[in-house]
Amino acid sequence: MKKARNASACPCGGMVQGASYAACCQPYIEGRERAPTAEHLMRSRYTAYTLGDAAYVLSTWHASTRPPELALDAAGAPHAMRWLELAVHSHTQLTETQAQVMFTARYREGGRARRLKEHSRFVLENGQWFYVDGDVDFDASSR
């Protein structure tokens, strides 16, 4: 698993532009803190994808929709997916325990630039946010 450097900018782009990994997603991924909002959770899940941390992604996936296992591409593999950039378009708190996040994630796979757009749904249970599911649109014609 590839680890981000604590002092480098967080892969998620940070809740504050240019925030370091240590100040942004690392406390959630390492389990020292819980994500306070669905957007924080979504950003930390994106960062976990960039790091190849399937355990964190699965642990933040709601039990009702979580797959039994998740294999993420090893960093440096010849045709591995390489996450490039995250843009969060909106975070909507629907109720006290339900939220939605709309985002676009750019990535490169097999030498081709691609874009994933998702309208994600989250639920808060026992003080912890979980990803439930999302409507995904893959666009291979990304820049």
N, C-alpha and C. Protein backbone atom coordinates (compact mmCIF):
# COMPACT_ATOMS: atom_id res chain seq x y z
N MET A 1 0.84 -1.16 0.00
CA MET A 1 0.00 0.00 0.00
C MET A 1 0.89 1.24 0.00
N LYS A 2 0.60 2.15 -0.87
CA LYS A 2 1.34 3.41 -0.97
C LYS A 2 0.88 4.35 0.15
N LYS A 3 1.79 4.96 0.84
CA LYS A 3 1.46 5.89 1.92
C LYS A 3 1.79 7.32 1.51
N ALA A 4 0.87 8.24 1.79
CA ALA A 4 1.12 9.65 1.52
C ALA A 4 2.08 10.18 2.58
N ARG A 5 2.88 11.14 2.22
CA ARG A 5 3.75 11.79 3.20
C ARG A 5 2.92 12.75 4.02
N ASN A 6 3.17 12.76 5.32
CA ASN A 6 2.39 13.59 6.23
C ASN A 6 2.41 15.07 5.86
N ALA A 7 3.53 15.56 5.35
CA ALA A 7 3.66 16.99 5.05
C ALA A 7 3.17 17.35 3.65
N SER A 8 2.96 16.38 2.79
CA SER A 8 2.52 16.69 1.43
C SER A 8 1.04 17.02 1.42
N ALA A 9 0.60 17.71 0.38
CA ALA A 9 -0.81 18.08 0.25
C ALA A 9 -1.66 16.82 0.20
N CYS A 10 -2.82 16.88 0.83
CA CYS A 10 -3.71 15.73 0.88
C CYS A 10 -4.26 15.45 -0.52
N PRO A 11 -4.32 14.17 -0.92
CA PRO A 11 -4.85 13.83 -2.24
C PRO A 11 -6.27 14.33 -2.50
N CYS A 12 -7.07 14.51 -1.44
CA CYS A 12 -8.46 14.93 -1.63
C CYS A 12 -8.59 16.40 -1.97
N GLY A 13 -7.49 17.14 -1.90
CA GLY A 13 -7.56 18.58 -2.14
C GLY A 13 -7.82 19.35 -0.87
N GLY A 14 -8.21 18.66 0.17
CA GLY A 14 -8.39 19.26 1.49
C GLY A 14 -9.65 20.08 1.63
N MET A 15 -10.21 20.06 2.82
CA MET A 15 -11.33 20.94 3.13
C MET A 15 -10.83 22.38 3.08
N VAL A 16 -9.55 22.55 3.37
CA VAL A 16 -8.86 23.83 3.22
C VAL A 16 -7.82 23.60 2.15
N GLN A 17 -7.87 24.35 1.07
CA GLN A 17 -6.96 24.19 -0.06
C GLN A 17 -5.51 24.05 0.41
N GLY A 18 -4.84 22.99 -0.04
CA GLY A 18 -3.43 22.79 0.27
C GLY A 18 -3.16 22.17 1.62
N ALA A 19 -4.19 21.73 2.34
CA ALA A 19 -3.99 21.11 3.65
C ALA A 19 -3.15 19.85 3.49
N SER A 20 -2.29 19.59 4.45
CA SER A 20 -1.45 18.40 4.39
C SER A 20 -2.29 17.15 4.69
N TYR A 21 -1.79 16.02 4.25
CA TYR A 21 -2.44 14.73 4.54
C TYR A 21 -2.61 14.57 6.05
N ALA A 22 -1.57 14.90 6.82
CA ALA A 22 -1.61 14.74 8.28
C ALA A 22 -2.70 15.60 8.91
N ALA A 23 -2.97 16.76 8.34
CA ALA A 23 -3.97 17.68 8.89
C ALA A 23 -5.35 17.47 8.28
N CYS A 24 -5.46 16.62 7.30
CA CYS A 24 -6.72 16.45 6.58
C CYS A 24 -7.30 15.05 6.79
N CYS A 25 -6.94 14.10 5.97
CA CYS A 25 -7.55 12.78 5.97
C CYS A 25 -6.88 11.74 6.86
N GLN A 26 -5.63 11.91 7.17
CA GLN A 26 -4.90 10.90 7.93
C GLN A 26 -5.56 10.53 9.27
N PRO A 27 -6.04 11.49 10.06
CA PRO A 27 -6.67 11.11 11.33
C PRO A 27 -7.89 10.20 11.15
N TYR A 28 -8.65 10.35 10.06
CA TYR A 28 -9.81 9.51 9.80
C TYR A 28 -9.36 8.13 9.34
N ILE A 29 -8.42 8.11 8.40
CA ILE A 29 -7.95 6.84 7.82
C ILE A 29 -7.27 5.98 8.88
N GLU A 30 -6.55 6.61 9.79
CA GLU A 30 -5.88 5.86 10.86
C GLU A 30 -6.81 5.56 12.04
N GLY A 31 -8.06 6.04 11.99
CA GLY A 31 -9.02 5.74 13.04
C GLY A 31 -8.88 6.56 14.31
N ARG A 32 -8.09 7.64 14.27
CA ARG A 32 -7.92 8.50 15.44
C ARG A 32 -9.10 9.44 15.62
N GLU A 33 -9.80 9.73 14.54
CA GLU A 33 -10.98 10.61 14.57
C GLU A 33 -12.03 10.06 13.63
N ARG A 34 -13.27 10.49 13.85
CA ARG A 34 -14.36 10.17 12.93
C ARG A 34 -14.62 11.38 12.06
N ALA A 35 -14.94 11.13 10.81
CA ALA A 35 -15.26 12.22 9.89
C ALA A 35 -16.51 12.94 10.40
N PRO A 36 -16.45 14.28 10.58
CA PRO A 36 -17.58 15.01 11.15
C PRO A 36 -18.74 15.23 10.18
N THR A 37 -18.50 15.11 8.88
CA THR A 37 -19.57 15.30 7.89
C THR A 37 -19.42 14.23 6.80
N ALA A 38 -20.46 14.10 6.00
CA ALA A 38 -20.40 13.17 4.88
C ALA A 38 -19.33 13.61 3.88
N GLU A 39 -19.16 14.92 3.71
CA GLU A 39 -18.12 15.38 2.78
C GLU A 39 -16.73 14.99 3.28
N HIS A 40 -16.47 15.16 4.56
CA HIS A 40 -15.18 14.73 5.11
C HIS A 40 -14.97 13.24 4.87
N LEU A 41 -16.03 12.45 5.10
CA LEU A 41 -15.90 11.01 4.88
C LEU A 41 -15.62 10.71 3.42
N MET A 42 -16.35 11.36 2.52
CA MET A 42 -16.15 11.12 1.09
C MET A 42 -14.72 11.47 0.69
N ARG A 43 -14.21 12.60 1.17
CA ARG A 43 -12.84 13.00 0.84
C ARG A 43 -11.83 11.99 1.39
N SER A 44 -12.05 11.50 2.60
CA SER A 44 -11.11 10.52 3.16
C SER A 44 -11.19 9.19 2.42
N ARG A 45 -12.36 8.83 1.94
CA ARG A 45 -12.49 7.60 1.15
C ARG A 45 -11.74 7.75 -0.18
N TYR A 46 -11.87 8.92 -0.81
CA TYR A 46 -11.11 9.17 -2.04
C TYR A 46 -9.62 9.02 -1.76
N THR A 47 -9.15 9.62 -0.67
CA THR A 47 -7.73 9.53 -0.32
C THR A 47 -7.34 8.08 -0.09
N ALA A 48 -8.19 7.31 0.57
CA ALA A 48 -7.90 5.88 0.78
C ALA A 48 -7.78 5.15 -0.56
N TYR A 49 -8.63 5.49 -1.52
CA TYR A 49 -8.50 4.90 -2.86
C TYR A 49 -7.14 5.24 -3.46
N THR A 50 -6.70 6.49 -3.31
CA THR A 50 -5.40 6.88 -3.88
C THR A 50 -4.26 6.12 -3.22
N LEU A 51 -4.44 5.75 -1.96
CA LEU A 51 -3.41 5.03 -1.20
C LEU A 51 -3.51 3.52 -1.34
N GLY A 52 -4.59 3.05 -1.95
CA GLY A 52 -4.81 1.61 -2.07
C GLY A 52 -5.24 0.98 -0.75
N ASP A 53 -5.89 1.75 0.13
CA ASP A 53 -6.28 1.29 1.45
C ASP A 53 -7.72 0.74 1.42
N ALA A 54 -7.86 -0.50 0.96
CA ALA A 54 -9.17 -1.13 0.83
C ALA A 54 -9.83 -1.33 2.20
N ALA A 55 -9.05 -1.57 3.24
CA ALA A 55 -9.61 -1.80 4.57
C ALA A 55 -10.40 -0.57 5.04
N TYR A 56 -9.86 0.63 4.84
CA TYR A 56 -10.57 1.84 5.25
C TYR A 56 -11.83 2.04 4.41
N VAL A 57 -11.71 1.85 3.11
CA VAL A 57 -12.87 2.02 2.24
C VAL A 57 -14.00 1.10 2.69
N LEU A 58 -13.67 -0.16 2.97
CA LEU A 58 -14.69 -1.12 3.41
C LEU A 58 -15.25 -0.77 4.78
N SER A 59 -14.40 -0.30 5.69
CA SER A 59 -14.86 0.02 7.05
C SER A 59 -15.79 1.22 7.08
N THR A 60 -15.78 2.04 6.04
CA THR A 60 -16.64 3.23 5.98
C THR A 60 -17.82 3.03 5.03
N TRP A 61 -18.00 1.82 4.56
CA TRP A 61 -19.10 1.46 3.66
C TRP A 61 -20.21 0.86 4.51
N HIS A 62 -21.43 1.32 4.36
CA HIS A 62 -22.55 0.83 5.17
C HIS A 62 -22.73 -0.67 4.96
N ALA A 63 -22.99 -1.37 6.05
CA ALA A 63 -23.12 -2.84 6.01
C ALA A 63 -24.20 -3.31 5.04
N SER A 64 -25.22 -2.51 4.81
CA SER A 64 -26.32 -2.92 3.93
C SER A 64 -25.93 -2.99 2.46
N THR A 65 -24.86 -2.30 2.08
CA THR A 65 -24.45 -2.28 0.66
C THR A 65 -22.97 -2.63 0.46
N ARG A 66 -22.25 -2.88 1.54
CA ARG A 66 -20.81 -3.14 1.47
C ARG A 66 -20.52 -4.48 0.80
N PRO A 67 -19.60 -4.49 -0.16
CA PRO A 67 -19.20 -5.76 -0.78
C PRO A 67 -18.37 -6.57 0.23
N PRO A 68 -18.32 -7.89 0.07
CA PRO A 68 -17.56 -8.71 1.02
C PRO A 68 -16.06 -8.45 0.97
N GLU A 69 -15.57 -8.00 -0.18
CA GLU A 69 -14.14 -7.67 -0.31
C GLU A 69 -13.98 -6.62 -1.39
N LEU A 70 -12.82 -6.00 -1.39
CA LEU A 70 -12.53 -4.94 -2.36
C LEU A 70 -11.06 -5.03 -2.72
N ALA A 71 -10.77 -5.22 -3.98
CA ALA A 71 -9.38 -5.26 -4.44
C ALA A 71 -9.08 -3.95 -5.15
N LEU A 72 -8.12 -3.24 -4.64
CA LEU A 72 -7.69 -1.99 -5.27
C LEU A 72 -6.38 -2.25 -5.99
N ASP A 73 -6.19 -1.58 -7.13
CA ASP A 73 -4.96 -1.73 -7.90
C ASP A 73 -3.74 -1.38 -7.06
N ALA A 74 -2.71 -2.17 -7.20
CA ALA A 74 -1.45 -1.87 -6.52
C ALA A 74 -0.80 -0.68 -7.21
N ALA A 75 -0.31 0.25 -6.43
CA ALA A 75 0.38 1.41 -7.00
C ALA A 75 1.56 0.94 -7.82
N GLY A 76 1.71 1.48 -8.98
CA GLY A 76 2.84 1.14 -9.84
C GLY A 76 2.58 -0.04 -10.77
N ALA A 77 1.44 -0.71 -10.63
CA ALA A 77 1.12 -1.81 -11.54
C ALA A 77 0.96 -1.24 -12.95
N PRO A 78 1.32 -2.01 -13.99
CA PRO A 78 1.34 -1.48 -15.35
C PRO A 78 0.05 -0.79 -15.80
N HIS A 79 -1.10 -1.34 -15.46
CA HIS A 79 -2.36 -0.74 -15.90
C HIS A 79 -3.19 -0.26 -14.72
N ALA A 80 -2.52 0.04 -13.61
CA ALA A 80 -3.21 0.48 -12.40
C ALA A 80 -3.93 1.80 -12.62
N MET A 81 -5.05 1.93 -11.95
CA MET A 81 -5.78 3.19 -11.96
C MET A 81 -5.00 4.17 -11.09
N ARG A 82 -4.76 5.35 -11.60
CA ARG A 82 -4.04 6.38 -10.85
C ARG A 82 -4.97 7.57 -10.68
N TRP A 83 -5.34 7.84 -9.43
CA TRP A 83 -6.25 8.95 -9.14
C TRP A 83 -5.49 10.25 -9.24
N LEU A 84 -6.08 11.23 -9.92
CA LEU A 84 -5.41 12.49 -10.22
C LEU A 84 -5.95 13.70 -9.48
N GLU A 85 -7.27 13.78 -9.34
CA GLU A 85 -7.85 15.00 -8.78
C GLU A 85 -9.29 14.77 -8.36
N LEU A 86 -9.68 15.46 -7.30
CA LEU A 86 -11.04 15.40 -6.80
C LEU A 86 -11.64 16.79 -6.78
N ALA A 87 -12.86 16.91 -7.27
CA ALA A 87 -13.60 18.17 -7.20
C ALA A 87 -14.96 17.87 -6.56
N VAL A 88 -15.22 18.48 -5.42
CA VAL A 88 -16.52 18.32 -4.75
C VAL A 88 -17.42 19.44 -5.23
N HIS A 89 -18.57 19.08 -5.78
CA HIS A 89 -19.51 20.07 -6.32
C HIS A 89 -20.54 20.52 -5.28
N SER A 90 -20.97 19.57 -4.43
CA SER A 90 -21.95 19.94 -3.41
C SER A 90 -21.97 18.91 -2.29
N HIS A 91 -22.36 19.41 -1.12
CA HIS A 91 -22.59 18.57 0.06
C HIS A 91 -23.92 19.04 0.61
N THR A 92 -24.91 18.15 0.64
CA THR A 92 -26.24 18.52 1.09
C THR A 92 -26.64 17.67 2.28
N GLN A 93 -26.92 18.33 3.39
CA GLN A 93 -27.40 17.64 4.58
C GLN A 93 -28.91 17.53 4.44
N LEU A 94 -29.44 16.33 4.16
CA LEU A 94 -30.86 16.14 3.91
C LEU A 94 -31.66 16.09 5.21
N THR A 95 -31.16 15.33 6.16
CA THR A 95 -31.74 15.23 7.50
C THR A 95 -30.57 15.17 8.46
N GLU A 96 -30.87 14.99 9.73
CA GLU A 96 -29.80 14.89 10.72
C GLU A 96 -28.90 13.68 10.46
N THR A 97 -29.45 12.65 9.83
CA THR A 97 -28.69 11.40 9.64
C THR A 97 -28.49 11.01 8.17
N GLN A 98 -28.86 11.85 7.24
CA GLN A 98 -28.70 11.55 5.82
C GLN A 98 -28.09 12.74 5.09
N ALA A 99 -27.17 12.43 4.18
CA ALA A 99 -26.52 13.50 3.40
C ALA A 99 -26.18 12.97 2.02
N GLN A 100 -25.93 13.91 1.12
CA GLN A 100 -25.51 13.59 -0.25
C GLN A 100 -24.29 14.43 -0.59
N VAL A 101 -23.41 13.84 -1.39
CA VAL A 101 -22.23 14.56 -1.87
C VAL A 101 -22.13 14.30 -3.37
N MET A 102 -21.97 15.36 -4.14
CA MET A 102 -21.75 15.23 -5.58
C MET A 102 -20.31 15.62 -5.86
N PHE A 103 -19.61 14.78 -6.62
CA PHE A 103 -18.20 15.04 -6.89
C PHE A 103 -17.79 14.47 -8.25
N THR A 104 -16.64 14.92 -8.71
CA THR A 104 -16.00 14.37 -9.90
C THR A 104 -14.57 14.00 -9.51
N ALA A 105 -14.17 12.80 -9.87
CA ALA A 105 -12.80 12.34 -9.63
C ALA A 105 -12.17 12.03 -10.98
N ARG A 106 -11.02 12.64 -11.22
CA ARG A 106 -10.29 12.35 -12.46
C ARG A 106 -9.25 11.29 -12.16
N TYR A 107 -9.05 10.39 -13.14
CA TYR A 107 -8.06 9.33 -12.97
C TYR A 107 -7.49 8.92 -14.31
N ARG A 108 -6.40 8.20 -14.25
CA ARG A 108 -5.76 7.68 -15.45
C ARG A 108 -5.70 6.16 -15.31
N GLU A 109 -6.11 5.49 -16.38
CA GLU A 109 -6.10 4.02 -16.39
C GLU A 109 -5.65 3.55 -17.75
N GLY A 110 -4.63 2.71 -17.77
CA GLY A 110 -4.14 2.20 -19.04
C GLY A 110 -3.72 3.30 -19.99
N GLY A 111 -3.18 4.38 -19.46
CA GLY A 111 -2.72 5.49 -20.29
C GLY A 111 -3.81 6.44 -20.75
N ARG A 112 -5.05 6.21 -20.36
CA ARG A 112 -6.16 7.05 -20.78
C ARG A 112 -6.72 7.85 -19.61
N ALA A 113 -6.94 9.13 -19.83
CA ALA A 113 -7.55 9.99 -18.82
C ALA A 113 -9.05 9.73 -18.80
N ARG A 114 -9.60 9.65 -17.60
CA ARG A 114 -11.02 9.37 -17.44
C ARG A 114 -11.58 10.22 -16.30
N ARG A 115 -12.89 10.21 -16.23
CA ARG A 115 -13.57 10.99 -15.20
C ARG A 115 -14.72 10.17 -14.63
N LEU A 116 -14.85 10.18 -13.33
CA LEU A 116 -15.95 9.51 -12.64
C LEU A 116 -16.75 10.59 -11.94
N LYS A 117 -18.04 10.66 -12.24
CA LYS A 117 -18.93 11.61 -11.56
C LYS A 117 -19.87 10.78 -10.70
N GLU A 118 -20.05 11.21 -9.46
CA GLU A 118 -20.92 10.44 -8.58
C GLU A 118 -21.77 11.35 -7.71
N HIS A 119 -23.01 10.91 -7.53
CA HIS A 119 -23.95 11.52 -6.60
C HIS A 119 -24.08 10.47 -5.49
N SER A 120 -23.35 10.66 -4.39
CA SER A 120 -23.24 9.67 -3.32
C SER A 120 -24.22 9.94 -2.19
N ARG A 121 -24.66 8.84 -1.55
CA ARG A 121 -25.56 8.93 -0.41
C ARG A 121 -24.85 8.39 0.83
N PHE A 122 -25.04 9.09 1.95
CA PHE A 122 -24.39 8.75 3.21
C PHE A 122 -25.42 8.72 4.33
N VAL A 123 -25.12 7.94 5.36
CA VAL A 123 -25.98 7.84 6.53
C VAL A 123 -25.11 7.93 7.79
N LEU A 124 -25.66 8.57 8.81
CA LEU A 124 -24.99 8.70 10.10
C LEU A 124 -25.61 7.70 11.07
N GLU A 125 -24.77 6.81 11.62
CA GLU A 125 -25.23 5.83 12.60
C GLU A 125 -24.26 5.82 13.77
N ASN A 126 -24.79 5.93 14.98
CA ASN A 126 -23.98 5.91 16.19
C ASN A 126 -22.81 6.88 16.12
N GLY A 127 -23.07 8.06 15.56
CA GLY A 127 -22.04 9.10 15.49
C GLY A 127 -21.00 8.91 14.40
N GLN A 128 -21.21 7.95 13.50
CA GLN A 128 -20.25 7.71 12.43
C GLN A 128 -20.95 7.72 11.07
N TRP A 129 -20.35 8.47 10.12
CA TRP A 129 -20.88 8.53 8.77
C TRP A 129 -20.43 7.30 7.99
N PHE A 130 -21.34 6.78 7.14
CA PHE A 130 -21.05 5.66 6.26
C PHE A 130 -21.51 5.99 4.84
N TYR A 131 -20.73 5.55 3.87
CA TYR A 131 -21.14 5.62 2.46
C TYR A 131 -22.18 4.52 2.26
N VAL A 132 -23.30 4.85 1.63
CA VAL A 132 -24.35 3.85 1.36
C VAL A 132 -24.26 3.40 -0.10
N ASP A 133 -24.44 4.34 -1.01
CA ASP A 133 -24.36 4.02 -2.43
C ASP A 133 -24.32 5.31 -3.22
N GLY A 134 -24.30 5.18 -4.54
CA GLY A 134 -24.26 6.38 -5.36
C GLY A 134 -24.65 6.09 -6.79
N ASP A 135 -25.03 7.15 -7.48
CA ASP A 135 -25.30 7.08 -8.91
C ASP A 135 -24.01 7.52 -9.59
N VAL A 136 -23.42 6.61 -10.36
CA VAL A 136 -22.09 6.83 -10.94
C VAL A 136 -22.20 6.98 -12.45
N ASP A 137 -21.41 7.91 -12.98
CA ASP A 137 -21.30 8.13 -14.42
C ASP A 137 -19.83 8.15 -14.76
N PHE A 138 -19.39 7.17 -15.55
CA PHE A 138 -18.00 7.14 -16.00
C PHE A 138 -17.94 7.82 -17.36
N ASP A 139 -17.02 8.76 -17.52
CA ASP A 139 -16.86 9.49 -18.78
C ASP A 139 -15.44 9.29 -19.27
N ALA A 140 -15.27 8.48 -20.29
CA ALA A 140 -13.93 8.16 -20.82
C ALA A 140 -13.35 9.29 -21.66
N SER A 141 -14.13 10.31 -21.95
CA SER A 141 -13.65 11.38 -22.83
C SER A 141 -13.06 12.55 -22.06
N SER A 142 -12.59 12.29 -20.85
CA SER A 142 -11.99 13.35 -20.05
C SER A 142 -10.74 13.91 -20.69
N ARG A 143 -10.41 15.13 -20.30
CA ARG A 143 -9.20 15.76 -20.83
C ARG A 143 -7.94 15.10 -20.33
